[in-house]
Amino acid sequence: MSAGGGTRAIIAALLANAGIAVAKFVGFLVTGSSSMLAESVHSVADTSNQGLLLLGQRTSQRAADRDHPFGYGRDRYFYSFVVALMLFTLGSVFALYEGIHKVEAPEPLESPIVAVLILVVAIGLESYSFKTAISESRSLKGGLTWWQFIRQSRTPELPVVLLEDAGALLGLMFALIGVGLAVVTGDPVWDGVGTIMIGVLLGIIAVILIVEMKSLLIGEGATPTELDTIVDELAAGRVERVIHIRTQYLGPEELLVAAKIALSPGLSTEEVAQAIDDAELRVRTKVPSARLIYLEPDLDRTPTSS
């Protein structure tokens, strides 16, 4: 993911959610709808989340220093993990609490048409944000399904925004259904039911994000396709084979590669150095994110078949 592409999607989501949060809160003050209150808190959380993603992008660009010789690329993973926690605590837990309270002690809605109009406008704004995130993600997704992209992406921002926007759209639908049923049936308990549905939805999305961001924060290696490419590029020229290899993403766009390689026998010191330089160049040409490459020449001790 290019930094610019990710930033554009994040800013689009931030502006949309900030506007929606204000509109929803006004709707809650007018109608007293718990669905509207839950959705306004959800949008406030989302707006804060986009701010954290932007902060993570900025702090991750700090230069490496003595304490952090591999740089600060994982700041983007850290702040994305915080976003997932906030989505769970500020979004899911609050919505569940408010929904259960409204089911146990339902209150009639006032001016429900205002809530409906605000929700319809919010759906339009969220659709714009979601469309932007999808557009920015297509070039990275390639032939993967959207679920595979979310699970396998080593860049956190776009999967986070995609899931947030998808959750926001479904949440708005649940709120619309809750308010609509409350109006049609005259029973305000449906507003609380819609709020509970929003809480469950946000909880599911938050757990998915927490699991994925935790995995990235701990450290994930190259994707299977990237690893195959790296091994193929290493095992060329005067490199006879890759004895073993380890990879790890130090940040979304910085891959560490450490490998022990078997070189052709009888090479001079200069030829060994040149073979290693050539192997590094081949890998970086095919996998630009492989910025840190450490190669150790060794003897191939693989038993030969008799």
C-alpha atoms as a PDB file:
ATOM      1  CA  MET A   1       0.000   0.000   0.000  1.00  0.00           C
ATOM      2  CA  SER A   2       1.329   3.361  -0.844  1.00  0.00           C
ATOM      3  CA  ALA A   3       1.335   5.761   2.023  1.00  0.00           C
ATOM      4  CA  GLY A   4      -0.639   8.237  -0.039  1.00  0.00           C
ATOM      5  CA  GLY A   5      -3.315   5.715  -0.960  1.00  0.00           C
ATOM      6  CA  GLY A   6      -3.802   4.639   2.626  1.00  0.00           C
ATOM      7  CA  THR A   7      -3.906   8.224   3.814  1.00  0.00           C
ATOM      8  CA  ARG A   8      -6.574   9.162   1.282  1.00  0.00           C
ATOM      9  CA  ALA A   9      -8.842   6.326   2.419  1.00  0.00           C
ATOM     10  CA  ILE A  10      -8.292   7.201   6.088  1.00  0.00           C
ATOM     11  CA  ILE A  11      -9.037  10.909   5.569  1.00  0.00           C
ATOM     12  CA  ALA A  12     -12.196  10.094   3.592  1.00  0.00           C
ATOM     13  CA  ALA A  13     -13.374   7.868   6.453  1.00  0.00           C
ATOM     14  CA  LEU A  14     -12.434  10.474   9.075  1.00  0.00           C
ATOM     15  CA  LEU A  15     -14.388  13.285   7.390  1.00  0.00           C
ATOM     16  CA  ALA A  16     -17.407  11.075   6.762  1.00  0.00           C
ATOM     17  CA  ASN A  17     -17.505   9.737  10.334  1.00  0.00           C
ATOM     18  CA  ALA A  18     -17.028  13.163  11.916  1.00  0.00           C
ATOM     19  CA  GLY A  19     -19.999  14.558   9.994  1.00  0.00           C
ATOM     20  CA  ILE A  20     -22.097  11.483  10.677  1.00  0.00           C
ATOM     21  CA  ALA A  21     -21.308  11.561  14.409  1.00  0.00           C
ATOM     22  CA  VAL A  22     -22.615  15.113  14.733  1.00  0.00           C
ATOM     23  CA  ALA A  23     -25.762  14.324  12.747  1.00  0.00           C
ATOM     24  CA  LYS A  24     -26.494  11.165  14.718  1.00  0.00           C
ATOM     25  CA  PHE A  25     -26.042  12.872  18.072  1.00  0.00           C
ATOM     26  CA  VAL A  26     -28.430  15.637  17.031  1.00  0.00           C
ATOM     27  CA  GLY A  27     -30.844  12.898  15.982  1.00  0.00           C
ATOM     28  CA  PHE A  28     -30.532  11.267  19.399  1.00  0.00           C
ATOM     29  CA  LEU A  29     -31.219  14.567  21.183  1.00  0.00           C
ATOM     30  CA  VAL A  30     -34.356  15.070  19.054  1.00  0.00           C
ATOM     31  CA  THR A  31     -35.708  11.496  19.118  1.00  0.00           C
ATOM     32  CA  GLY A  32     -34.252   9.857  22.223  1.00  0.00           C
ATOM     33  CA  SER A  33     -33.475   6.769  20.122  1.00  0.00           C
ATOM     34  CA  SER A  34     -30.944   4.407  21.735  1.00  0.00           C
ATOM     35  CA  SER A  35     -29.989   3.167  18.256  1.00  0.00           C
ATOM     36  CA  MET A  36     -29.081   6.721  17.309  1.00  0.00           C
ATOM     37  CA  LEU A  37     -27.060   7.155  20.508  1.00  0.00           C
ATOM     38  CA  ALA A  38     -25.208   3.877  19.929  1.00  0.00           C
ATOM     39  CA  GLU A  39     -24.510   4.854  16.335  1.00  0.00           C
ATOM     40  CA  SER A  40     -23.292   8.330  17.345  1.00  0.00           C
ATOM     41  CA  VAL A  41     -20.843   6.793  19.841  1.00  0.00           C
ATOM     42  CA  HIS A  42     -19.825   4.314  17.121  1.00  0.00           C
ATOM     43  CA  SER A  43     -19.076   7.194  14.732  1.00  0.00           C
ATOM     44  CA  VAL A  44     -17.147   9.130  17.381  1.00  0.00           C
ATOM     45  CA  ALA A  45     -15.061   6.002  17.998  1.00  0.00           C
ATOM     46  CA  ASP A  46     -14.479   5.578  14.257  1.00  0.00           C
ATOM     47  CA  THR A  47     -13.417   9.216  13.905  1.00  0.00           C
ATOM     48  CA  SER A  48     -10.926   8.800  16.738  1.00  0.00           C
ATOM     49  CA  ASN A  49      -9.730   5.569  15.155  1.00  0.00           C
ATOM     50  CA  GLN A  50      -8.899   7.272  11.865  1.00  0.00           C
ATOM     51  CA  GLY A  51      -6.957   9.902  13.809  1.00  0.00           C
ATOM     52  CA  LEU A  52      -4.944   7.115  15.442  1.00  0.00           C
ATOM     53  CA  LEU A  53      -4.234   5.493  12.072  1.00  0.00           C
ATOM     54  CA  LEU A  54      -2.903   8.799  10.751  1.00  0.00           C
ATOM     55  CA  LEU A  55      -0.777   9.191  13.883  1.00  0.00           C
ATOM     56  CA  GLY A  56       0.630   5.709  13.383  1.00  0.00           C
ATOM     57  CA  GLN A  57       1.570   6.506   9.796  1.00  0.00           C
ATOM     58  CA  ARG A  58       3.368   9.625  10.922  1.00  0.00           C
ATOM     59  CA  THR A  59       5.305   8.145  13.852  1.00  0.00           C
ATOM     60  CA  SER A  60       6.319   5.084  11.818  1.00  0.00           C
ATOM     61  CA  GLN A  61       8.354   7.320   9.511  1.00  0.00           C
ATOM     62  CA  ARG A  62      10.878   8.184  12.241  1.00  0.00           C
ATOM     63  CA  ALA A  63      14.440   7.242  11.388  1.00  0.00           C
ATOM     64  CA  ALA A  64      16.076   4.238  13.030  1.00  0.00           C
ATOM     65  CA  ASP A  65      18.163   5.010  16.108  1.00  0.00           C
ATOM     66  CA  ARG A  66      20.318   3.196  18.674  1.00  0.00           C
ATOM     67  CA  ASP A  67      17.317   1.980  20.673  1.00  0.00           C
ATOM     68  CA  HIS A  68      15.329   0.964  17.590  1.00  0.00           C
ATOM     69  CA  PRO A  69      17.883  -0.072  14.949  1.00  0.00           C
ATOM     70  CA  PHE A  70      15.176  -1.500  12.692  1.00  0.00           C
ATOM     71  CA  GLY A  71      13.127   1.691  12.804  1.00  0.00           C
ATOM     72  CA  TYR A  72       9.565   2.394  13.919  1.00  0.00           C
ATOM     73  CA  GLY A  73       7.551   0.709  11.165  1.00  0.00           C
ATOM     74  CA  ARG A  74       5.553  -1.337  13.649  1.00  0.00           C
ATOM     75  CA  ASP A  75       3.974   1.826  15.046  1.00  0.00           C
ATOM     76  CA  ARG A  76       1.358   1.348  12.335  1.00  0.00           C
ATOM     77  CA  TYR A  77       0.562  -2.106  13.705  1.00  0.00           C
ATOM     78  CA  PHE A  78       0.435  -0.808  17.279  1.00  0.00           C
ATOM     79  CA  TYR A  79      -2.011   1.999  16.546  1.00  0.00           C
ATOM     80  CA  SER A  80      -4.157  -0.320  14.432  1.00  0.00           C
ATOM     81  CA  PHE A  81      -4.316  -2.676  17.427  1.00  0.00           C
ATOM     82  CA  VAL A  82      -5.394   0.243  19.645  1.00  0.00           C
ATOM     83  CA  VAL A  83      -8.092   1.046  17.067  1.00  0.00           C
ATOM     84  CA  ALA A  84      -9.447  -2.490  17.377  1.00  0.00           C
ATOM     85  CA  LEU A  85      -9.563  -2.193  21.175  1.00  0.00           C
ATOM     86  CA  MET A  86     -11.358   1.151  20.972  1.00  0.00           C
ATOM     87  CA  LEU A  87     -13.901  -0.258  18.529  1.00  0.00           C
ATOM     88  CA  PHE A  88     -14.646  -2.995  21.055  1.00  0.00           C
ATOM     89  CA  THR A  89     -14.786  -0.840  24.205  1.00  0.00           C
ATOM     90  CA  LEU A  90     -16.327   2.383  22.893  1.00  0.00           C
ATOM     91  CA  GLY A  91     -18.466   0.795  20.197  1.00  0.00           C
ATOM     92  CA  SER A  92     -19.532  -2.723  21.065  1.00  0.00           C
ATOM     93  CA  VAL A  93     -19.660  -2.639  24.874  1.00  0.00           C
ATOM     94  CA  PHE A  94     -21.486   0.702  25.001  1.00  0.00           C
ATOM     95  CA  ALA A  95     -24.031  -0.365  22.360  1.00  0.00           C
ATOM     96  CA  LEU A  96     -24.737  -3.624  24.184  1.00  0.00           C
ATOM     97  CA  TYR A  97     -25.171  -1.806  27.505  1.00  0.00           C
ATOM     98  CA  GLU A  98     -27.475   0.821  25.997  1.00  0.00           C
ATOM     99  CA  GLY A  99     -29.473  -1.755  24.026  1.00  0.00           C
ATOM    100  CA  ILE A 100     -30.086  -4.024  26.996  1.00  0.00           C
ATOM    101  CA  HIS A 101     -31.121  -1.005  29.071  1.00  0.00           C
ATOM    102  CA  LYS A 102     -33.617   0.091  26.403  1.00  0.00           C
ATOM    103  CA  VAL A 103     -35.068  -3.413  26.080  1.00  0.00           C
ATOM    104  CA  GLU A 104     -35.575  -3.632  29.835  1.00  0.00           C
ATOM    105  CA  ALA A 105     -37.004  -0.093  30.097  1.00  0.00           C
ATOM    106  CA  PRO A 106     -38.205   0.970  26.614  1.00  0.00           C
ATOM    107  CA  GLU A 107     -38.975   4.632  26.008  1.00  0.00           C
ATOM    108  CA  PRO A 108     -41.155   5.969  23.169  1.00  0.00           C
ATOM    109  CA  LEU A 109     -39.379   7.721  20.286  1.00  0.00           C
ATOM    110  CA  GLU A 110     -39.988  11.380  19.515  1.00  0.00           C
ATOM    111  CA  SER A 111     -39.902  12.651  15.910  1.00  0.00           C
ATOM    112  CA  PRO A 112     -38.748   9.298  14.473  1.00  0.00           C
ATOM    113  CA  ILE A 113     -38.803  10.744  10.949  1.00  0.00           C
ATOM    114  CA  VAL A 114     -35.778  12.850  11.933  1.00  0.00           C
ATOM    115  CA  ALA A 115     -33.879   9.713  12.906  1.00  0.00           C
ATOM    116  CA  VAL A 116     -34.791   8.038   9.621  1.00  0.00           C
ATOM    117  CA  LEU A 117     -33.626  11.020   7.556  1.00  0.00           C
ATOM    118  CA  ILE A 118     -30.333  11.263   9.450  1.00  0.00           C
ATOM    119  CA  LEU A 119     -29.707   7.528   9.043  1.00  0.00           C
ATOM    120  CA  VAL A 120     -30.351   7.728   5.302  1.00  0.00           C
ATOM    121  CA  VAL A 121     -27.888  10.630   4.950  1.00  0.00           C
ATOM    122  CA  ALA A 122     -25.355   8.728   7.074  1.00  0.00           C
ATOM    123  CA  ILE A 123     -25.690   5.678   4.826  1.00  0.00           C
ATOM    124  CA  GLY A 124     -24.836   7.885   1.841  1.00  0.00           C
ATOM    125  CA  LEU A 125     -21.726   9.308   3.531  1.00  0.00           C
ATOM    126  CA  GLU A 126     -20.562   5.905   4.758  1.00  0.00           C
ATOM    127  CA  SER A 127     -21.067   4.486   1.274  1.00  0.00           C
ATOM    128  CA  TYR A 128     -18.718   7.152  -0.087  1.00  0.00           C
ATOM    129  CA  SER A 129     -16.074   6.287   2.499  1.00  0.00           C
ATOM    130  CA  PHE A 130     -16.489   2.552   1.847  1.00  0.00           C
ATOM    131  CA  LYS A 131     -16.229   3.069  -1.915  1.00  0.00           C
ATOM    132  CA  THR A 132     -12.997   5.037  -1.440  1.00  0.00           C
ATOM    133  CA  ALA A 133     -11.488   2.270   0.708  1.00  0.00           C
ATOM    134  CA  ILE A 134     -12.456  -0.367  -1.859  1.00  0.00           C
ATOM    135  CA  SER A 135     -10.956   1.673  -4.689  1.00  0.00           C
ATOM    136  CA  GLU A 136      -7.673   2.145  -2.795  1.00  0.00           C
ATOM    137  CA  SER A 137      -7.500  -1.572  -1.949  1.00  0.00           C
ATOM    138  CA  ARG A 138      -8.114  -3.098  -5.385  1.00  0.00           C
ATOM    139  CA  SER A 139      -4.545  -2.779  -6.653  1.00  0.00           C
ATOM    140  CA  LEU A 140      -3.215  -4.511  -3.535  1.00  0.00           C
ATOM    141  CA  LYS A 141      -5.912  -7.172  -3.377  1.00  0.00           C
ATOM    142  CA  GLY A 142      -5.035  -8.642  -6.758  1.00  0.00           C
ATOM    143  CA  GLY A 143      -6.632 -12.057  -7.199  1.00  0.00           C
ATOM    144  CA  LEU A 144      -7.395 -12.495  -3.501  1.00  0.00           C
ATOM    145  CA  THR A 145     -10.902 -12.453  -2.139  1.00  0.00           C
ATOM    146  CA  TRP A 146     -11.727  -9.579   0.184  1.00  0.00           C
ATOM    147  CA  TRP A 147     -11.572 -11.918   3.185  1.00  0.00           C
ATOM    148  CA  GLN A 148      -8.177 -13.221   2.068  1.00  0.00           C
ATOM    149  CA  PHE A 149      -6.979  -9.649   1.617  1.00  0.00           C
ATOM    150  CA  ILE A 150      -8.011  -8.755   5.181  1.00  0.00           C
ATOM    151  CA  ARG A 151      -6.345 -11.908   6.567  1.00  0.00           C
ATOM    152  CA  GLN A 152      -3.130 -11.779   4.509  1.00  0.00           C
ATOM    153  CA  SER A 153      -2.443  -8.058   4.120  1.00  0.00           C
ATOM    154  CA  ARG A 154       0.711  -6.878   5.863  1.00  0.00           C
ATOM    155  CA  THR A 155      -0.487  -3.268   5.713  1.00  0.00           C
ATOM    156  CA  PRO A 156      -3.026  -2.593   8.471  1.00  0.00           C
ATOM    157  CA  GLU A 157      -4.825   0.633   7.539  1.00  0.00           C
ATOM    158  CA  LEU A 158      -6.951  -0.414   4.575  1.00  0.00           C
ATOM    159  CA  PRO A 159      -8.253  -3.656   6.141  1.00  0.00           C
ATOM    160  CA  VAL A 160      -9.135  -1.660   9.267  1.00  0.00           C
ATOM    161  CA  VAL A 161     -10.982   1.019   7.279  1.00  0.00           C
ATOM    162  CA  LEU A 162     -12.722  -1.597   5.124  1.00  0.00           C
ATOM    163  CA  LEU A 163     -14.051  -3.488   8.137  1.00  0.00           C
ATOM    164  CA  GLU A 164     -14.975  -0.287   9.979  1.00  0.00           C
ATOM    165  CA  ASP A 165     -16.926   1.046   7.006  1.00  0.00           C
ATOM    166  CA  ALA A 166     -18.624  -2.281   6.348  1.00  0.00           C
ATOM    167  CA  GLY A 167     -19.580  -2.453  10.020  1.00  0.00           C
ATOM    168  CA  ALA A 168     -20.803   1.134   9.961  1.00  0.00           C
ATOM    169  CA  LEU A 169     -23.056   0.478   6.964  1.00  0.00           C
ATOM    170  CA  LEU A 170     -24.535  -2.660   8.529  1.00  0.00           C
ATOM    171  CA  GLY A 171     -24.924  -0.830  11.842  1.00  0.00           C
ATOM    172  CA  LEU A 172     -26.848   1.944  10.126  1.00  0.00           C
ATOM    173  CA  MET A 173     -29.110  -0.660   8.537  1.00  0.00           C
ATOM    174  CA  PHE A 174     -29.729  -2.231  11.951  1.00  0.00           C
ATOM    175  CA  ALA A 175     -30.502   1.189  13.436  1.00  0.00           C
ATOM    176  CA  LEU A 176     -32.872   1.938  10.554  1.00  0.00           C
ATOM    177  CA  ILE A 177     -34.613  -1.398  11.029  1.00  0.00           C
ATOM    178  CA  GLY A 178     -34.870  -0.850  14.792  1.00  0.00           C
ATOM    179  CA  VAL A 179     -36.333   2.630  14.457  1.00  0.00           C
ATOM    180  CA  GLY A 180     -38.616   1.530  11.609  1.00  0.00           C
ATOM    181  CA  LEU A 181     -40.043  -1.418  13.539  1.00  0.00           C
ATOM    182  CA  ALA A 182     -40.511   0.762  16.620  1.00  0.00           C
ATOM    183  CA  VAL A 183     -42.579   3.193  14.535  1.00  0.00           C
ATOM    184  CA  VAL A 184     -44.573   0.532  12.653  1.00  0.00           C
ATOM    185  CA  THR A 185     -45.385  -1.617  15.690  1.00  0.00           C
ATOM    186  CA  GLY A 186     -45.595   1.203  18.212  1.00  0.00           C
ATOM    187  CA  ASP A 187     -43.277  -0.826  20.462  1.00  0.00           C
ATOM    188  CA  PRO A 188     -40.030   1.054  21.307  1.00  0.00           C
ATOM    189  CA  VAL A 189     -38.396  -2.184  22.424  1.00  0.00           C
ATOM    190  CA  TRP A 190     -37.367  -2.707  18.787  1.00  0.00           C
ATOM    191  CA  ASP A 191     -35.101   0.323  19.067  1.00  0.00           C
ATOM    192  CA  GLY A 192     -33.239  -1.463  21.852  1.00  0.00           C
ATOM    193  CA  VAL A 193     -33.084  -4.665  19.821  1.00  0.00           C
ATOM    194  CA  GLY A 194     -31.500  -2.737  16.945  1.00  0.00           C
ATOM    195  CA  THR A 195     -28.962  -1.304  19.373  1.00  0.00           C
ATOM    196  CA  ILE A 196     -28.044  -4.781  20.640  1.00  0.00           C
ATOM    197  CA  MET A 197     -27.573  -5.954  17.044  1.00  0.00           C
ATOM    198  CA  ILE A 198     -25.180  -3.033  16.489  1.00  0.00           C
ATOM    199  CA  GLY A 199     -23.223  -4.015  19.609  1.00  0.00           C
ATOM    200  CA  VAL A 200     -22.894  -7.649  18.520  1.00  0.00           C
ATOM    201  CA  LEU A 201     -21.792  -6.598  15.028  1.00  0.00           C
ATOM    202  CA  LEU A 202     -19.134  -4.225  16.352  1.00  0.00           C
ATOM    203  CA  GLY A 203     -17.923  -6.887  18.773  1.00  0.00           C
ATOM    204  CA  ILE A 204     -17.420  -9.409  15.955  1.00  0.00           C
ATOM    205  CA  ILE A 205     -15.526  -6.883  13.807  1.00  0.00           C
ATOM    206  CA  ALA A 206     -13.406  -5.765  16.771  1.00  0.00           C
ATOM    207  CA  VAL A 207     -12.398  -9.337  17.617  1.00  0.00           C
ATOM    208  CA  ILE A 208     -11.394 -10.007  13.986  1.00  0.00           C
ATOM    209  CA  LEU A 209      -9.269  -6.851  13.959  1.00  0.00           C
ATOM    210  CA  ILE A 210      -7.715  -7.592  17.360  1.00  0.00           C
ATOM    211  CA  VAL A 211      -6.638 -11.069  16.200  1.00  0.00           C
ATOM    212  CA  GLU A 212      -5.216  -9.806  12.895  1.00  0.00           C
ATOM    213  CA  MET A 213      -3.425  -6.765  14.349  1.00  0.00           C
ATOM    214  CA  LYS A 214      -1.974  -8.827  17.211  1.00  0.00           C
ATOM    215  CA  SER A 215      -0.503 -11.220  14.665  1.00  0.00           C
ATOM    216  CA  LEU A 216       1.081  -8.346  12.730  1.00  0.00           C
ATOM    217  CA  LEU A 217       2.344  -6.702  15.909  1.00  0.00           C
ATOM    218  CA  ILE A 218       4.065  -9.903  17.053  1.00  0.00           C
ATOM    219  CA  GLY A 219       5.650 -10.259  13.627  1.00  0.00           C
ATOM    220  CA  GLU A 220       4.494 -12.001  10.450  1.00  0.00           C
ATOM    221  CA  GLY A 221       6.721 -13.330   7.700  1.00  0.00           C
ATOM    222  CA  ALA A 222       6.522 -12.925   3.949  1.00  0.00           C
ATOM    223  CA  THR A 223       3.392 -14.168   2.231  1.00  0.00           C
ATOM    224  CA  PRO A 224       3.671 -17.608   0.567  1.00  0.00           C
ATOM    225  CA  THR A 225       3.931 -15.980  -2.866  1.00  0.00           C
ATOM    226  CA  GLU A 226       6.619 -13.555  -1.693  1.00  0.00           C
ATOM    227  CA  LEU A 227       8.583 -16.333   0.007  1.00  0.00           C
ATOM    228  CA  ASP A 228       8.546 -18.490  -3.124  1.00  0.00           C
ATOM    229  CA  THR A 229       9.757 -15.520  -5.184  1.00  0.00           C
ATOM    230  CA  ILE A 230      12.557 -14.730  -2.734  1.00  0.00           C
ATOM    231  CA  VAL A 231      13.780 -18.337  -2.669  1.00  0.00           C
ATOM    232  CA  ASP A 232      13.674 -18.558  -6.477  1.00  0.00           C
ATOM    233  CA  GLU A 233      15.662 -15.326  -6.851  1.00  0.00           C
ATOM    234  CA  LEU A 234      18.221 -16.347  -4.246  1.00  0.00           C
ATOM    235  CA  ALA A 235      18.787 -19.787  -5.801  1.00  0.00           C
ATOM    236  CA  ALA A 236      20.199 -18.457  -9.081  1.00  0.00           C
ATOM    237  CA  GLY A 237      23.564 -17.472 -10.476  1.00  0.00           C
ATOM    238  CA  ARG A 238      26.344 -18.820  -8.257  1.00  0.00           C
ATOM    239  CA  VAL A 239      23.907 -19.706  -5.452  1.00  0.00           C
ATOM    240  CA  GLU A 240      23.233 -23.430  -5.671  1.00  0.00           C
ATOM    241  CA  ARG A 241      20.373 -23.502  -3.180  1.00  0.00           C
ATOM    242  CA  VAL A 242      18.852 -21.885  -0.112  1.00  0.00           C
ATOM    243  CA  ILE A 243      19.687 -23.980   2.949  1.00  0.00           C
ATOM    244  CA  HIS A 244      17.209 -22.204   5.206  1.00  0.00           C
ATOM    245  CA  ILE A 245      15.481 -18.830   5.332  1.00  0.00           C
ATOM    246  CA  ARG A 246      13.622 -16.633   7.828  1.00  0.00           C
ATOM    247  CA  THR A 247      11.554 -13.546   7.015  1.00  0.00           C
ATOM    248  CA  GLN A 248       9.663 -10.986   9.086  1.00  0.00           C
ATOM    249  CA  TYR A 249       7.856  -7.737   8.367  1.00  0.00           C
ATOM    250  CA  LEU A 250       9.372  -4.956  10.470  1.00  0.00           C
ATOM    251  CA  GLY A 251       6.689  -2.627   9.114  1.00  0.00           C
ATOM    252  CA  PRO A 252       4.106  -2.704   6.335  1.00  0.00           C
ATOM    253  CA  GLU A 253       6.695  -1.846   3.680  1.00  0.00           C
ATOM    254  CA  GLU A 254       9.909  -3.239   5.210  1.00  0.00           C
ATOM    255  CA  LEU A 255      10.667  -6.952   5.058  1.00  0.00           C
ATOM    256  CA  LEU A 256      13.656  -8.534   6.793  1.00  0.00           C
ATOM    257  CA  VAL A 257      15.181 -11.519   4.990  1.00  0.00           C
ATOM    258  CA  ALA A 258      17.851 -13.715   6.627  1.00  0.00           C
ATOM    259  CA  ALA A 259      19.055 -16.789   4.776  1.00  0.00           C
ATOM    260  CA  LYS A 260      21.859 -19.311   4.732  1.00  0.00           C
ATOM    261  CA  ILE A 261      22.845 -20.117   1.142  1.00  0.00           C
ATOM    262  CA  ALA A 262      25.042 -22.714  -0.513  1.00  0.00           C
ATOM    263  CA  LEU A 263      27.398 -21.219  -3.115  1.00  0.00           C
ATOM    264  CA  SER A 264      29.235 -22.904  -5.951  1.00  0.00           C
ATOM    265  CA  PRO A 265      32.455 -24.475  -4.598  1.00  0.00           C
ATOM    266  CA  GLY A 266      35.866 -22.972  -5.225  1.00  0.00           C
ATOM    267  CA  LEU A 267      34.838 -19.304  -5.293  1.00  0.00           C
ATOM    268  CA  SER A 268      37.291 -16.647  -4.203  1.00  0.00           C
ATOM    269  CA  THR A 269      36.437 -14.128  -1.490  1.00  0.00           C
ATOM    270  CA  GLU A 270      35.677 -11.494  -4.114  1.00  0.00           C
ATOM    271  CA  GLU A 271      33.436 -13.891  -6.025  1.00  0.00           C
ATOM    272  CA  VAL A 272      31.562 -14.835  -2.854  1.00  0.00           C
ATOM    273  CA  ALA A 273      30.932 -11.153  -2.089  1.00  0.00           C
ATOM    274  CA  GLN A 274      29.760 -10.523  -5.659  1.00  0.00           C
ATOM    275  CA  ALA A 275      27.471 -13.558  -5.602  1.00  0.00           C
ATOM    276  CA  ILE A 276      25.835 -12.275  -2.416  1.00  0.00           C
ATOM    277  CA  ASP A 277      25.436  -8.764  -3.850  1.00  0.00           C
ATOM    278  CA  ASP A 278      23.877 -10.198  -7.018  1.00  0.00           C
ATOM    279  CA  ALA A 279      21.457 -12.336  -4.991  1.00  0.00           C
ATOM    280  CA  GLU A 280      20.354  -9.333  -2.916  1.00  0.00           C
ATOM    281  CA  LEU A 281      19.786  -7.286  -6.068  1.00  0.00           C
ATOM    282  CA  ARG A 282      17.663 -10.020  -7.632  1.00  0.00           C
ATOM    283  CA  VAL A 283      15.474 -10.258  -4.537  1.00  0.00           C
ATOM    284  CA  ARG A 284      15.000  -6.498  -4.171  1.00  0.00           C
ATOM    285  CA  THR A 285      14.096  -6.201  -7.841  1.00  0.00           C
ATOM    286  CA  LYS A 286      11.281  -8.736  -7.499  1.00  0.00           C
ATOM    287  CA  VAL A 287      10.243  -7.947  -3.899  1.00  0.00           C
ATOM    288  CA  PRO A 288      10.875  -4.215  -3.242  1.00  0.00           C
ATOM    289  CA  SER A 289       9.722  -4.486   0.365  1.00  0.00           C
ATOM    290  CA  ALA A 290      12.742  -6.746   1.101  1.00  0.00           C
ATOM    291  CA  ARG A 291      14.878  -3.829   2.247  1.00  0.00           C
ATOM    292  CA  LEU A 292      16.979  -5.657   4.850  1.00  0.00           C
ATOM    293  CA  ILE A 293      18.693  -8.788   3.523  1.00  0.00           C
ATOM    294  CA  TYR A 294      21.323 -10.754   5.427  1.00  0.00           C
ATOM    295  CA  LEU A 295      22.879 -13.710   3.586  1.00  0.00           C
ATOM    296  CA  GLU A 296      25.306 -16.186   5.105  1.00  0.00           C
ATOM    297  CA  PRO A 297      27.264 -18.438   2.739  1.00  0.00           C
ATOM    298  CA  ASP A 298      27.717 -21.999   3.960  1.00  0.00           C
ATOM    299  CA  LEU A 299      28.537 -25.481   2.744  1.00  0.00           C
ATOM    300  CA  ASP A 300      25.735 -27.635   1.412  1.00  0.00           C
ATOM    301  CA  ARG A 301      25.729 -30.594   3.761  1.00  0.00           C
ATOM    302  CA  THR A 302      22.638 -32.207   2.289  1.00  0.00           C
ATOM    303  CA  PRO A 303      23.229 -35.981   2.073  1.00  0.00           C
ATOM    304  CA  THR A 304      23.505 -37.168  -1.510  1.00  0.00           C
ATOM    305  CA  SER A 305      21.482 -40.176  -2.555  1.00  0.00           C
ATOM    306  CA  SER A 306      23.540 -43.259  -3.402  1.00  0.00           C
END
